């Protein structure tokens, strides 16, 4: 079988299956969350204190959209890593950035790229603490981020319970609308282009929500709402019933959509929004609202993942952005 015939999650599952639990336990006796289990790996570094870590790789040809500036590339390469930290409810403490650079790259391009990285890190209370530079056929950026959190506040993908409410921060669909505009060469609205080029990692919201003790599961939805629901559902052993009309979508995105089908593609199946998807105990919703803005879009069920639209219930496909296989 070739990688082109598989999707990203199948490949990750194959790779992580090689790392046997026994070898991991021998190497890291304090490992709490291992490879492929969540947005970040989690290591208990002292009693009640955890280190969380994640890494992301971005390639110019596949990950940076057309029209993006070097500064925005730098911002995005840091933001995607910080989003994983936000999904655990952790505080970022440092980022390492490795860059593969073509030899004919202009020095001014590199300076602008790094300035974007630095700006994003500083915006969210951390800094670039190291990295590497190497020669590569195309611009490739690998970021690794570290964060800290009290064990009692840690939120994982697993933990959702039947009866919990399903929530999202911010609004969905802007990045999908922007990518659609670029691909089809239609009018690009400034609002959606900014959302695509300058993603906002929800660090403050993730930390605040985790500290309430109200959340039962959480992850970021960089690959799209539908795929993320399936990920949490699989980790928690539950299903979801989502109300399509409750999904928060900015008015600009609604204006851009020429059909309800396209609007659903952008808000449910497209990636790039970098919002947080989480489940919340129903009796605790108002407590959570005191620390962060979010929208309730559904509830946790015993099984199956469905979406209610115009009075009709349909199965929600496990479809979204993936690096291999069919992409959206």
C-alpha atoms as a PDB file:
ATOM      1  CA  UNK A   1       0.000   0.000   0.000  1.00  0.00           C
ATOM      2  CA  UNK A   2       1.224   3.493  -0.844  1.00  0.00           C
ATOM      3  CA  UNK A   3       0.727   6.625   1.255  1.00  0.00           C
ATOM      4  CA  UNK A   4      -1.328   8.186  -1.528  1.00  0.00           C
ATOM      5  CA  UNK A   5      -3.949   5.473  -0.927  1.00  0.00           C
ATOM      6  CA  UNK A   6      -4.236   6.287   2.795  1.00  0.00           C
ATOM      7  CA  UNK A   7      -5.442   9.265   4.804  1.00  0.00           C
ATOM      8  CA  UNK A   8      -3.422  11.155   7.393  1.00  0.00           C
ATOM      9  CA  UNK A   9      -5.031   9.565  10.432  1.00  0.00           C
ATOM     10  CA  UNK A  10      -4.472   6.023   9.117  1.00  0.00           C
ATOM     11  CA  UNK A  11      -0.785   6.804   8.558  1.00  0.00           C
ATOM     12  CA  UNK A  12      -0.435   8.252  12.066  1.00  0.00           C
ATOM     13  CA  UNK A  13      -2.146   5.184  13.529  1.00  0.00           C
ATOM     14  CA  UNK A  14       0.277   2.881  11.699  1.00  0.00           C
ATOM     15  CA  UNK A  15       3.317   4.830  12.887  1.00  0.00           C
ATOM     16  CA  UNK A  16       2.239   5.156  16.518  1.00  0.00           C
ATOM     17  CA  UNK A  17       1.381   1.458  16.590  1.00  0.00           C
ATOM     18  CA  UNK A  18       5.096   0.718  16.208  1.00  0.00           C
ATOM     19  CA  UNK A  19       5.890   2.521  19.453  1.00  0.00           C
ATOM     20  CA  UNK A  20       4.981  -0.242  21.881  1.00  0.00           C
ATOM     21  CA  UNK A  21       3.734   0.722  25.332  1.00  0.00           C
ATOM     22  CA  UNK A  22       6.566  -1.233  26.986  1.00  0.00           C
ATOM     23  CA  UNK A  23       9.342   0.669  25.190  1.00  0.00           C
ATOM     24  CA  UNK A  24       7.654   3.997  25.925  1.00  0.00           C
ATOM     25  CA  UNK A  25       7.275   3.135  29.606  1.00  0.00           C
ATOM     26  CA  UNK A  26      10.948   2.205  29.826  1.00  0.00           C
ATOM     27  CA  UNK A  27      12.035   5.453  28.201  1.00  0.00           C
ATOM     28  CA  UNK A  28       9.594   7.841  29.875  1.00  0.00           C
ATOM     29  CA  UNK A  29       8.085   6.409  33.029  1.00  0.00           C
ATOM     30  CA  UNK A  30       6.109   9.620  33.568  1.00  0.00           C
ATOM     31  CA  UNK A  31       4.483   9.721  30.112  1.00  0.00           C
ATOM     32  CA  UNK A  32       0.770  10.429  30.571  1.00  0.00           C
ATOM     33  CA  UNK A  33      -0.313  10.922  26.941  1.00  0.00           C
ATOM     34  CA  UNK A  34       1.677   9.209  24.217  1.00  0.00           C
ATOM     35  CA  UNK A  35       2.076   9.303  20.432  1.00  0.00           C
ATOM     36  CA  UNK A  36      -1.102   9.813  18.428  1.00  0.00           C
ATOM     37  CA  UNK A  37      -3.402  10.028  21.440  1.00  0.00           C
ATOM     38  CA  UNK A  38      -4.059  13.767  21.557  1.00  0.00           C
ATOM     39  CA  UNK A  39      -3.039  17.227  20.294  1.00  0.00           C
ATOM     40  CA  UNK A  40       0.090  17.072  22.486  1.00  0.00           C
ATOM     41  CA  UNK A  41       2.239  14.550  24.310  1.00  0.00           C
ATOM     42  CA  UNK A  42       1.999  14.965  28.087  1.00  0.00           C
ATOM     43  CA  UNK A  43       4.750  14.172  30.595  1.00  0.00           C
ATOM     44  CA  UNK A  44       4.367  14.494  34.354  1.00  0.00           C
ATOM     45  CA  UNK A  45       7.520  16.376  35.403  1.00  0.00           C
ATOM     46  CA  UNK A  46       6.687  16.701  39.097  1.00  0.00           C
ATOM     47  CA  UNK A  47       3.797  15.753  41.313  1.00  0.00           C
ATOM     48  CA  UNK A  48       0.756  17.505  39.900  1.00  0.00           C
ATOM     49  CA  UNK A  49       2.692  19.385  37.186  1.00  0.00           C
ATOM     50  CA  UNK A  50       2.763  18.432  33.487  1.00  0.00           C
ATOM     51  CA  UNK A  51       4.849  19.347  30.466  1.00  0.00           C
ATOM     52  CA  UNK A  52       2.945  19.277  27.170  1.00  0.00           C
ATOM     53  CA  UNK A  53       4.653  19.262  23.784  1.00  0.00           C
ATOM     54  CA  UNK A  54       3.659  19.266  20.133  1.00  0.00           C
ATOM     55  CA  UNK A  55       5.299  19.672  16.722  1.00  0.00           C
ATOM     56  CA  UNK A  56       4.029  20.717  13.295  1.00  0.00           C
ATOM     57  CA  UNK A  57       5.623  20.804   9.848  1.00  0.00           C
ATOM     58  CA  UNK A  58       4.658  23.291   7.133  1.00  0.00           C
ATOM     59  CA  UNK A  59       5.734  23.197   3.478  1.00  0.00           C
ATOM     60  CA  UNK A  60       5.497  26.152   1.126  1.00  0.00           C
ATOM     61  CA  UNK A  61       3.880  24.106  -1.659  1.00  0.00           C
ATOM     62  CA  UNK A  62       1.174  22.441   0.429  1.00  0.00           C
ATOM     63  CA  UNK A  63       0.544  24.492   3.570  1.00  0.00           C
ATOM     64  CA  UNK A  64       0.999  28.168   2.759  1.00  0.00           C
ATOM     65  CA  UNK A  65      -1.892  29.610   0.698  1.00  0.00           C
ATOM     66  CA  UNK A  66      -1.364  31.821  -2.323  1.00  0.00           C
ATOM     67  CA  UNK A  67      -0.758  35.490  -1.609  1.00  0.00           C
ATOM     68  CA  UNK A  68       0.622  34.984   1.890  1.00  0.00           C
ATOM     69  CA  UNK A  69       3.570  37.204   2.881  1.00  0.00           C
ATOM     70  CA  UNK A  70       6.774  35.954   4.552  1.00  0.00           C
ATOM     71  CA  UNK A  71       5.731  37.691   7.794  1.00  0.00           C
ATOM     72  CA  UNK A  72       2.376  35.907   7.708  1.00  0.00           C
ATOM     73  CA  UNK A  73       4.140  32.581   7.007  1.00  0.00           C
ATOM     74  CA  UNK A  74       6.181  33.099  10.152  1.00  0.00           C
ATOM     75  CA  UNK A  75       3.104  33.976  12.195  1.00  0.00           C
ATOM     76  CA  UNK A  76       1.186  30.962  10.883  1.00  0.00           C
ATOM     77  CA  UNK A  77       4.049  28.523  11.561  1.00  0.00           C
ATOM     78  CA  UNK A  78       4.032  29.518  15.243  1.00  0.00           C
ATOM     79  CA  UNK A  79       0.252  29.828  15.570  1.00  0.00           C
ATOM     80  CA  UNK A  80      -0.454  26.264  14.419  1.00  0.00           C
ATOM     81  CA  UNK A  81       1.817  24.952  17.163  1.00  0.00           C
ATOM     82  CA  UNK A  82       0.339  27.203  19.832  1.00  0.00           C
ATOM     83  CA  UNK A  83      -3.140  26.015  18.872  1.00  0.00           C
ATOM     84  CA  UNK A  84      -2.214  22.491  19.988  1.00  0.00           C
ATOM     85  CA  UNK A  85      -1.079  23.849  23.361  1.00  0.00           C
ATOM     86  CA  UNK A  86      -4.351  25.776  23.679  1.00  0.00           C
ATOM     87  CA  UNK A  87      -6.285  22.550  23.089  1.00  0.00           C
ATOM     88  CA  UNK A  88      -4.778  21.069  26.262  1.00  0.00           C
ATOM     89  CA  UNK A  89      -5.489  24.177  28.339  1.00  0.00           C
ATOM     90  CA  UNK A  90      -1.749  24.739  28.867  1.00  0.00           C
ATOM     91  CA  UNK A  91       0.451  27.846  29.073  1.00  0.00           C
ATOM     92  CA  UNK A  92       3.167  27.981  26.386  1.00  0.00           C
ATOM     93  CA  UNK A  93       6.702  28.356  27.766  1.00  0.00           C
ATOM     94  CA  UNK A  94       8.848  28.183  24.633  1.00  0.00           C
ATOM     95  CA  UNK A  95       8.985  27.370  20.933  1.00  0.00           C
ATOM     96  CA  UNK A  96      11.778  25.890  18.801  1.00  0.00           C
ATOM     97  CA  UNK A  97      11.674  26.590  15.068  1.00  0.00           C
ATOM     98  CA  UNK A  98      13.662  24.707  12.405  1.00  0.00           C
ATOM     99  CA  UNK A  99      13.775  26.081   8.871  1.00  0.00           C
ATOM    100  CA  UNK A 100      14.683  24.303   5.651  1.00  0.00           C
ATOM    101  CA  UNK A 101      15.645  27.067   3.215  1.00  0.00           C
ATOM    102  CA  UNK A 102      16.351  26.929  -0.538  1.00  0.00           C
ATOM    103  CA  UNK A 103      19.854  28.366  -1.179  1.00  0.00           C
ATOM    104  CA  UNK A 104      18.514  31.122  -3.462  1.00  0.00           C
ATOM    105  CA  UNK A 105      16.236  32.543  -0.758  1.00  0.00           C
ATOM    106  CA  UNK A 106      16.663  36.287  -0.198  1.00  0.00           C
ATOM    107  CA  UNK A 107      17.954  37.277   3.241  1.00  0.00           C
ATOM    108  CA  UNK A 108      15.200  39.899   3.552  1.00  0.00           C
ATOM    109  CA  UNK A 109      12.629  37.112   3.073  1.00  0.00           C
ATOM    110  CA  UNK A 110      14.159  35.162   5.983  1.00  0.00           C
ATOM    111  CA  UNK A 111      14.274  38.237   8.215  1.00  0.00           C
ATOM    112  CA  UNK A 112      10.612  38.998   7.554  1.00  0.00           C
ATOM    113  CA  UNK A 113       9.701  35.338   8.132  1.00  0.00           C
ATOM    114  CA  UNK A 114      11.425  35.268  11.515  1.00  0.00           C
ATOM    115  CA  UNK A 115       9.912  38.610  12.522  1.00  0.00           C
ATOM    116  CA  UNK A 116       6.472  37.062  11.975  1.00  0.00           C
ATOM    117  CA  UNK A 117       7.414  34.087  14.142  1.00  0.00           C
ATOM    118  CA  UNK A 118       8.648  36.375  16.909  1.00  0.00           C
ATOM    119  CA  UNK A 119       5.537  38.556  16.768  1.00  0.00           C
ATOM    120  CA  UNK A 120       3.183  35.586  17.169  1.00  0.00           C
ATOM    121  CA  UNK A 121       5.178  34.075  20.026  1.00  0.00           C
ATOM    122  CA  UNK A 122       5.278  37.407  21.893  1.00  0.00           C
ATOM    123  CA  UNK A 123       1.567  37.999  21.300  1.00  0.00           C
ATOM    124  CA  UNK A 124       0.778  34.842  23.270  1.00  0.00           C
ATOM    125  CA  UNK A 125       3.233  35.319  26.104  1.00  0.00           C
ATOM    126  CA  UNK A 126       6.128  33.143  25.001  1.00  0.00           C
ATOM    127  CA  UNK A 127       9.257  33.279  22.830  1.00  0.00           C
ATOM    128  CA  UNK A 128      11.406  31.407  20.345  1.00  0.00           C
ATOM    129  CA  UNK A 129      14.022  29.597  22.463  1.00  0.00           C
ATOM    130  CA  UNK A 130      15.975  27.715  19.793  1.00  0.00           C
ATOM    131  CA  UNK A 131      15.880  25.914  16.489  1.00  0.00           C
ATOM    132  CA  UNK A 132      17.892  25.001  13.409  1.00  0.00           C
ATOM    133  CA  UNK A 133      18.547  26.163   9.855  1.00  0.00           C
ATOM    134  CA  UNK A 134      19.314  23.809   6.974  1.00  0.00           C
ATOM    135  CA  UNK A 135      19.271  23.743   3.185  1.00  0.00           C
ATOM    136  CA  UNK A 136      16.146  22.307   1.554  1.00  0.00           C
ATOM    137  CA  UNK A 137      14.558  22.086  -1.882  1.00  0.00           C
ATOM    138  CA  UNK A 138      11.532  24.107  -0.732  1.00  0.00           C
ATOM    139  CA  UNK A 139      10.740  26.297   2.247  1.00  0.00           C
ATOM    140  CA  UNK A 140       9.933  23.954   5.123  1.00  0.00           C
ATOM    141  CA  UNK A 141       9.279  25.056   8.687  1.00  0.00           C
ATOM    142  CA  UNK A 142       9.060  22.727  11.676  1.00  0.00           C
ATOM    143  CA  UNK A 143       7.907  24.127  14.995  1.00  0.00           C
ATOM    144  CA  UNK A 144       8.020  22.413  18.383  1.00  0.00           C
ATOM    145  CA  UNK A 145       6.240  24.023  21.307  1.00  0.00           C
ATOM    146  CA  UNK A 146       6.391  23.360  25.043  1.00  0.00           C
ATOM    147  CA  UNK A 147       3.762  24.196  27.628  1.00  0.00           C
ATOM    148  CA  UNK A 148       2.980  23.724  31.310  1.00  0.00           C
ATOM    149  CA  UNK A 149      -0.242  22.889  33.109  1.00  0.00           C
ATOM    150  CA  UNK A 150      -1.371  21.583  36.472  1.00  0.00           C
ATOM    151  CA  UNK A 151      -2.440  17.961  36.118  1.00  0.00           C
ATOM    152  CA  UNK A 152      -5.836  18.761  37.614  1.00  0.00           C
ATOM    153  CA  UNK A 153      -6.580  21.239  34.829  1.00  0.00           C
ATOM    154  CA  UNK A 154      -5.383  19.130  31.893  1.00  0.00           C
ATOM    155  CA  UNK A 155      -8.105  18.564  29.264  1.00  0.00           C
ATOM    156  CA  UNK A 156      -7.810  15.681  26.781  1.00  0.00           C
ATOM    157  CA  UNK A 157      -9.768  14.494  23.755  1.00  0.00           C
ATOM    158  CA  UNK A 158     -11.136  11.635  25.824  1.00  0.00           C
ATOM    159  CA  UNK A 159     -13.543  12.313  28.650  1.00  0.00           C
ATOM    160  CA  UNK A 160     -16.738  13.484  26.947  1.00  0.00           C
ATOM    161  CA  UNK A 161     -19.855  12.085  28.640  1.00  0.00           C
ATOM    162  CA  UNK A 162     -23.383  11.515  27.349  1.00  0.00           C
ATOM    163  CA  UNK A 163     -25.446  14.605  28.147  1.00  0.00           C
ATOM    164  CA  UNK A 164     -22.541  17.066  27.939  1.00  0.00           C
ATOM    165  CA  UNK A 165     -23.017  20.069  25.659  1.00  0.00           C
ATOM    166  CA  UNK A 166     -20.777  20.597  22.612  1.00  0.00           C
ATOM    167  CA  UNK A 167     -19.202  24.049  22.247  1.00  0.00           C
ATOM    168  CA  UNK A 168     -16.906  26.021  19.951  1.00  0.00           C
ATOM    169  CA  UNK A 169     -15.015  29.262  20.392  1.00  0.00           C
ATOM    170  CA  UNK A 170     -15.168  32.012  17.777  1.00  0.00           C
ATOM    171  CA  UNK A 171     -16.754  31.573  14.360  1.00  0.00           C
ATOM    172  CA  UNK A 172     -16.259  28.921  11.707  1.00  0.00           C
ATOM    173  CA  UNK A 173     -16.006  28.921   7.935  1.00  0.00           C
ATOM    174  CA  UNK A 174     -13.806  31.957   7.241  1.00  0.00           C
ATOM    175  CA  UNK A 175     -10.685  29.988   6.324  1.00  0.00           C
ATOM    176  CA  UNK A 176     -12.697  27.668   4.095  1.00  0.00           C
ATOM    177  CA  UNK A 177     -14.283  30.645   2.352  1.00  0.00           C
ATOM    178  CA  UNK A 178     -10.863  32.225   1.816  1.00  0.00           C
ATOM    179  CA  UNK A 179      -9.380  29.045   0.343  1.00  0.00           C
ATOM    180  CA  UNK A 180     -12.399  28.698  -1.935  1.00  0.00           C
ATOM    181  CA  UNK A 181     -11.861  32.269  -3.166  1.00  0.00           C
ATOM    182  CA  UNK A 182      -8.212  31.574  -3.923  1.00  0.00           C
ATOM    183  CA  UNK A 183      -8.912  28.295  -5.707  1.00  0.00           C
ATOM    184  CA  UNK A 184     -11.755  29.684  -7.819  1.00  0.00           C
ATOM    185  CA  UNK A 185     -10.275  33.186  -8.261  1.00  0.00           C
ATOM    186  CA  UNK A 186     -13.366  34.896  -6.910  1.00  0.00           C
ATOM    187  CA  UNK A 187     -13.517  38.071  -4.826  1.00  0.00           C
ATOM    188  CA  UNK A 188     -11.399  37.735  -1.702  1.00  0.00           C
ATOM    189  CA  UNK A 189     -12.985  39.564   1.236  1.00  0.00           C
ATOM    190  CA  UNK A 190     -10.391  41.134   3.616  1.00  0.00           C
ATOM    191  CA  UNK A 191     -11.999  39.586   6.715  1.00  0.00           C
ATOM    192  CA  UNK A 192     -11.740  35.984   5.514  1.00  0.00           C
ATOM    193  CA  UNK A 193      -8.250  36.437   4.069  1.00  0.00           C
ATOM    194  CA  UNK A 194      -7.005  37.737   7.414  1.00  0.00           C
ATOM    195  CA  UNK A 195      -8.533  34.732   9.183  1.00  0.00           C
ATOM    196  CA  UNK A 196      -6.699  32.416   6.781  1.00  0.00           C
ATOM    197  CA  UNK A 197      -3.324  34.177   6.787  1.00  0.00           C
ATOM    198  CA  UNK A 198      -3.216  35.108  10.485  1.00  0.00           C
ATOM    199  CA  UNK A 199      -4.838  32.291  12.497  1.00  0.00           C
ATOM    200  CA  UNK A 200      -5.546  33.055  16.140  1.00  0.00           C
ATOM    201  CA  UNK A 201      -4.539  30.289  18.569  1.00  0.00           C
ATOM    202  CA  UNK A 202      -6.999  30.337  21.464  1.00  0.00           C
ATOM    203  CA  UNK A 203      -4.357  30.214  24.203  1.00  0.00           C
ATOM    204  CA  UNK A 204      -6.144  32.504  26.649  1.00  0.00           C
ATOM    205  CA  UNK A 205      -9.505  30.814  26.147  1.00  0.00           C
ATOM    206  CA  UNK A 206      -8.008  27.334  26.482  1.00  0.00           C
ATOM    207  CA  UNK A 207      -6.236  28.176  29.725  1.00  0.00           C
ATOM    208  CA  UNK A 208      -9.247  29.947  31.232  1.00  0.00           C
ATOM    209  CA  UNK A 209     -11.730  27.234  30.293  1.00  0.00           C
ATOM    210  CA  UNK A 210      -9.474  24.447  31.571  1.00  0.00           C
ATOM    211  CA  UNK A 211      -9.154  26.130  34.962  1.00  0.00           C
ATOM    212  CA  UNK A 212     -12.940  26.178  35.484  1.00  0.00           C
ATOM    213  CA  UNK A 213     -13.013  22.399  35.820  1.00  0.00           C
ATOM    214  CA  UNK A 214     -16.134  22.379  33.640  1.00  0.00           C
ATOM    215  CA  UNK A 215     -14.684  20.802  30.489  1.00  0.00           C
ATOM    216  CA  UNK A 216     -14.696  17.057  29.867  1.00  0.00           C
ATOM    217  CA  UNK A 217     -12.811  17.038  26.520  1.00  0.00           C
ATOM    218  CA  UNK A 218     -11.227  19.472  24.070  1.00  0.00           C
ATOM    219  CA  UNK A 219      -9.192  19.740  20.872  1.00  0.00           C
ATOM    220  CA  UNK A 220      -8.496  22.366  18.235  1.00  0.00           C
ATOM    221  CA  UNK A 221     -10.419  22.200  14.959  1.00  0.00           C
ATOM    222  CA  UNK A 222      -7.665  23.112  12.490  1.00  0.00           C
ATOM    223  CA  UNK A 223      -8.751  20.179  10.273  1.00  0.00           C
ATOM    224  CA  UNK A 224     -12.449  21.098  10.328  1.00  0.00           C
ATOM    225  CA  UNK A 225     -15.390  20.649  12.696  1.00  0.00           C
ATOM    226  CA  UNK A 226     -16.638  17.309  11.332  1.00  0.00           C
ATOM    227  CA  UNK A 227     -13.289  15.530  11.474  1.00  0.00           C
ATOM    228  CA  UNK A 228     -12.607  16.899  14.945  1.00  0.00           C
ATOM    229  CA  UNK A 229     -15.955  15.635  16.231  1.00  0.00           C
ATOM    230  CA  UNK A 230     -15.074  12.183  14.951  1.00  0.00           C
ATOM    231  CA  UNK A 231     -11.680  12.397  16.684  1.00  0.00           C
ATOM    232  CA  UNK A 232     -13.185  13.286  20.065  1.00  0.00           C
ATOM    233  CA  UNK A 233     -15.961  10.749  19.553  1.00  0.00           C
ATOM    234  CA  UNK A 234     -13.449   7.976  18.911  1.00  0.00           C
ATOM    235  CA  UNK A 235     -11.264   8.962  21.877  1.00  0.00           C
ATOM    236  CA  UNK A 236     -14.209   9.277  24.281  1.00  0.00           C
ATOM    237  CA  UNK A 237     -16.352   6.435  22.963  1.00  0.00           C
ATOM    238  CA  UNK A 238     -19.377   8.680  22.412  1.00  0.00           C
ATOM    239  CA  UNK A 239     -21.459  10.230  19.635  1.00  0.00           C
ATOM    240  CA  UNK A 240     -22.752  13.740  18.945  1.00  0.00           C
ATOM    241  CA  UNK A 241     -25.905  15.463  17.780  1.00  0.00           C
ATOM    242  CA  UNK A 242     -25.057  18.830  16.227  1.00  0.00           C
ATOM    243  CA  UNK A 243     -27.526  21.600  15.379  1.00  0.00           C
ATOM    244  CA  UNK A 244     -26.348  23.125  12.098  1.00  0.00           C
ATOM    245  CA  UNK A 245     -28.222  26.395  12.682  1.00  0.00           C
ATOM    246  CA  UNK A 246     -26.310  26.888  15.951  1.00  0.00           C
ATOM    247  CA  UNK A 247     -22.861  26.808  14.336  1.00  0.00           C
ATOM    248  CA  UNK A 248     -21.462  30.359  14.579  1.00  0.00           C
ATOM    249  CA  UNK A 249     -20.608  31.810  11.161  1.00  0.00           C
ATOM    250  CA  UNK A 250     -19.552  35.412  10.479  1.00  0.00           C
ATOM    251  CA  UNK A 251     -21.953  37.477   8.363  1.00  0.00           C
ATOM    252  CA  UNK A 252     -19.223  38.026   5.744  1.00  0.00           C
ATOM    253  CA  UNK A 253     -18.927  34.286   5.210  1.00  0.00           C
ATOM    254  CA  UNK A 254     -22.702  33.995   4.835  1.00  0.00           C
ATOM    255  CA  UNK A 255     -22.669  36.792   2.268  1.00  0.00           C
ATOM    256  CA  UNK A 256     -19.967  35.020   0.268  1.00  0.00           C
ATOM    257  CA  UNK A 257     -21.767  31.666   0.114  1.00  0.00           C
ATOM    258  CA  UNK A 258     -23.868  31.203  -3.027  1.00  0.00           C
ATOM    259  CA  UNK A 259     -25.657  28.179  -1.537  1.00  0.00           C
ATOM    260  CA  UNK A 260     -26.316  26.454   1.769  1.00  0.00           C
ATOM    261  CA  UNK A 261     -24.243  23.512   0.528  1.00  0.00           C
ATOM    262  CA  UNK A 262     -21.178  25.707   0.108  1.00  0.00           C
ATOM    263  CA  UNK A 263     -21.732  27.339   3.495  1.00  0.00           C
ATOM    264  CA  UNK A 264     -21.816  23.908   5.123  1.00  0.00           C
ATOM    265  CA  UNK A 265     -18.611  22.896   3.338  1.00  0.00           C
ATOM    266  CA  UNK A 266     -16.851  25.964   4.695  1.00  0.00           C
ATOM    267  CA  UNK A 267     -18.162  25.835   8.259  1.00  0.00           C
ATOM    268  CA  UNK A 268     -18.314  22.072   8.858  1.00  0.00           C
ATOM    269  CA  UNK A 269     -15.816  20.332   6.593  1.00  0.00           C
ATOM    270  CA  UNK A 270     -13.069  22.889   5.832  1.00  0.00           C
ATOM    271  CA  UNK A 271      -9.967  23.322   7.991  1.00  0.00           C
ATOM    272  CA  UNK A 272      -7.925  26.335   8.963  1.00  0.00           C
ATOM    273  CA  UNK A 273     -10.150  28.064  11.539  1.00  0.00           C
ATOM    274  CA  UNK A 274      -8.047  27.040  14.590  1.00  0.00           C
ATOM    275  CA  UNK A 275     -10.916  27.384  17.046  1.00  0.00           C
ATOM    276  CA  UNK A 276     -11.451  25.155  20.084  1.00  0.00           C
ATOM    277  CA  UNK A 277     -14.040  22.390  20.146  1.00  0.00           C
ATOM    278  CA  UNK A 278     -14.928  21.186  23.634  1.00  0.00           C
ATOM    279  CA  UNK A 279     -17.541  19.391  25.691  1.00  0.00           C
ATOM    280  CA  UNK A 280     -18.864  20.999  28.840  1.00  0.00           C
ATOM    281  CA  UNK A 281     -20.894  19.634  31.716  1.00  0.00           C
ATOM    282  CA  UNK A 282     -24.406  21.096  31.217  1.00  0.00           C
ATOM    283  CA  UNK A 283     -24.731  22.399  34.768  1.00  0.00           C
ATOM    284  CA  UNK A 284     -21.452  24.265  34.337  1.00  0.00           C
ATOM    285  CA  UNK A 285     -22.111  26.259  31.159  1.00  0.00           C
ATOM    286  CA  UNK A 286     -22.704  29.600  32.859  1.00  0.00           C
ATOM    287  CA  UNK A 287     -19.548  29.235  34.942  1.00  0.00           C
ATOM    288  CA  UNK A 288     -17.553  28.629  31.751  1.00  0.00           C
ATOM    289  CA  UNK A 289     -19.195  31.646  30.062  1.00  0.00           C
ATOM    290  CA  UNK A 290     -17.700  33.910  32.720  1.00  0.00           C
ATOM    291  CA  UNK A 291     -14.169  33.238  31.445  1.00  0.00           C
ATOM    292  CA  UNK A 292     -14.555  32.835  27.657  1.00  0.00           C
ATOM    293  CA  UNK A 293     -16.925  33.449  24.758  1.00  0.00           C
ATOM    294  CA  UNK A 294     -18.251  30.339  23.030  1.00  0.00           C
ATOM    295  CA  UNK A 295     -21.324  28.889  21.344  1.00  0.00           C
ATOM    296  CA  UNK A 296     -23.213  25.711  22.270  1.00  0.00           C
ATOM    297  CA  UNK A 297     -23.787  23.766  19.031  1.00  0.00           C
ATOM    298  CA  UNK A 298     -25.052  20.387  20.196  1.00  0.00           C
ATOM    299  CA  UNK A 299     -24.871  17.621  22.747  1.00  0.00           C
ATOM    300  CA  UNK A 300     -23.023  14.379  23.429  1.00  0.00           C
ATOM    301  CA  UNK A 301     -24.946  11.181  22.677  1.00  0.00           C
ATOM    302  CA  UNK A 302     -24.278   7.504  23.258  1.00  0.00           C
ATOM    303  CA  UNK A 303     -23.278   6.787  19.670  1.00  0.00           C
ATOM    304  CA  UNK A 304     -23.398   8.071  16.111  1.00  0.00           C
ATOM    305  CA  UNK A 305     -22.460  11.543  14.908  1.00  0.00           C
ATOM    306  CA  UNK A 306     -25.353  13.388  13.307  1.00  0.00           C
ATOM    307  CA  UNK A 307     -26.271  16.915  12.275  1.00  0.00           C
ATOM    308  CA  UNK A 308     -29.742  18.476  12.365  1.00  0.00           C
ATOM    309  CA  UNK A 309     -30.507  20.859   9.512  1.00  0.00           C
ATOM    310  CA  UNK A 310     -33.918  22.263   8.538  1.00  0.00           C
ATOM    311  CA  UNK A 311     -35.664  19.633  10.659  1.00  0.00           C
ATOM    312  CA  UNK A 312     -33.809  16.735   9.014  1.00  0.00           C
ATOM    313  CA  UNK A 313     -31.131  14.654  10.690  1.00  0.00           C
ATOM    314  CA  UNK A 314     -28.208  13.279   8.656  1.00  0.00           C
ATOM    315  CA  UNK A 315     -25.016  11.396   9.428  1.00  0.00           C
ATOM    316  CA  UNK A 316     -22.033  13.751   9.719  1.00  0.00           C
ATOM    317  CA  UNK A 317     -19.229  12.411   7.558  1.00  0.00           C
ATOM    318  CA  UNK A 318     -15.685  11.998   8.898  1.00  0.00           C
ATOM    319  CA  UNK A 319     -14.366  14.433   6.320  1.00  0.00           C
ATOM    320  CA  UNK A 320     -12.061  17.431   6.527  1.00  0.00           C
ATOM    321  CA  UNK A 321      -8.524  18.582   5.766  1.00  0.00           C
ATOM    322  CA  UNK A 322      -5.900  15.818   5.720  1.00  0.00           C
ATOM    323  CA  UNK A 323      -2.372  15.754   4.350  1.00  0.00           C
ATOM    324  CA  UNK A 324      -2.854  12.444   2.525  1.00  0.00           C
ATOM    325  CA  UNK A 325      -5.769  10.892   0.643  1.00  0.00           C
ATOM    326  CA  UNK A 326      -8.649  13.049  -0.524  1.00  0.00           C
ATOM    327  CA  UNK A 327      -8.328  16.604   0.758  1.00  0.00           C
ATOM    328  CA  UNK A 328     -10.973  19.225   1.435  1.00  0.00           C
END
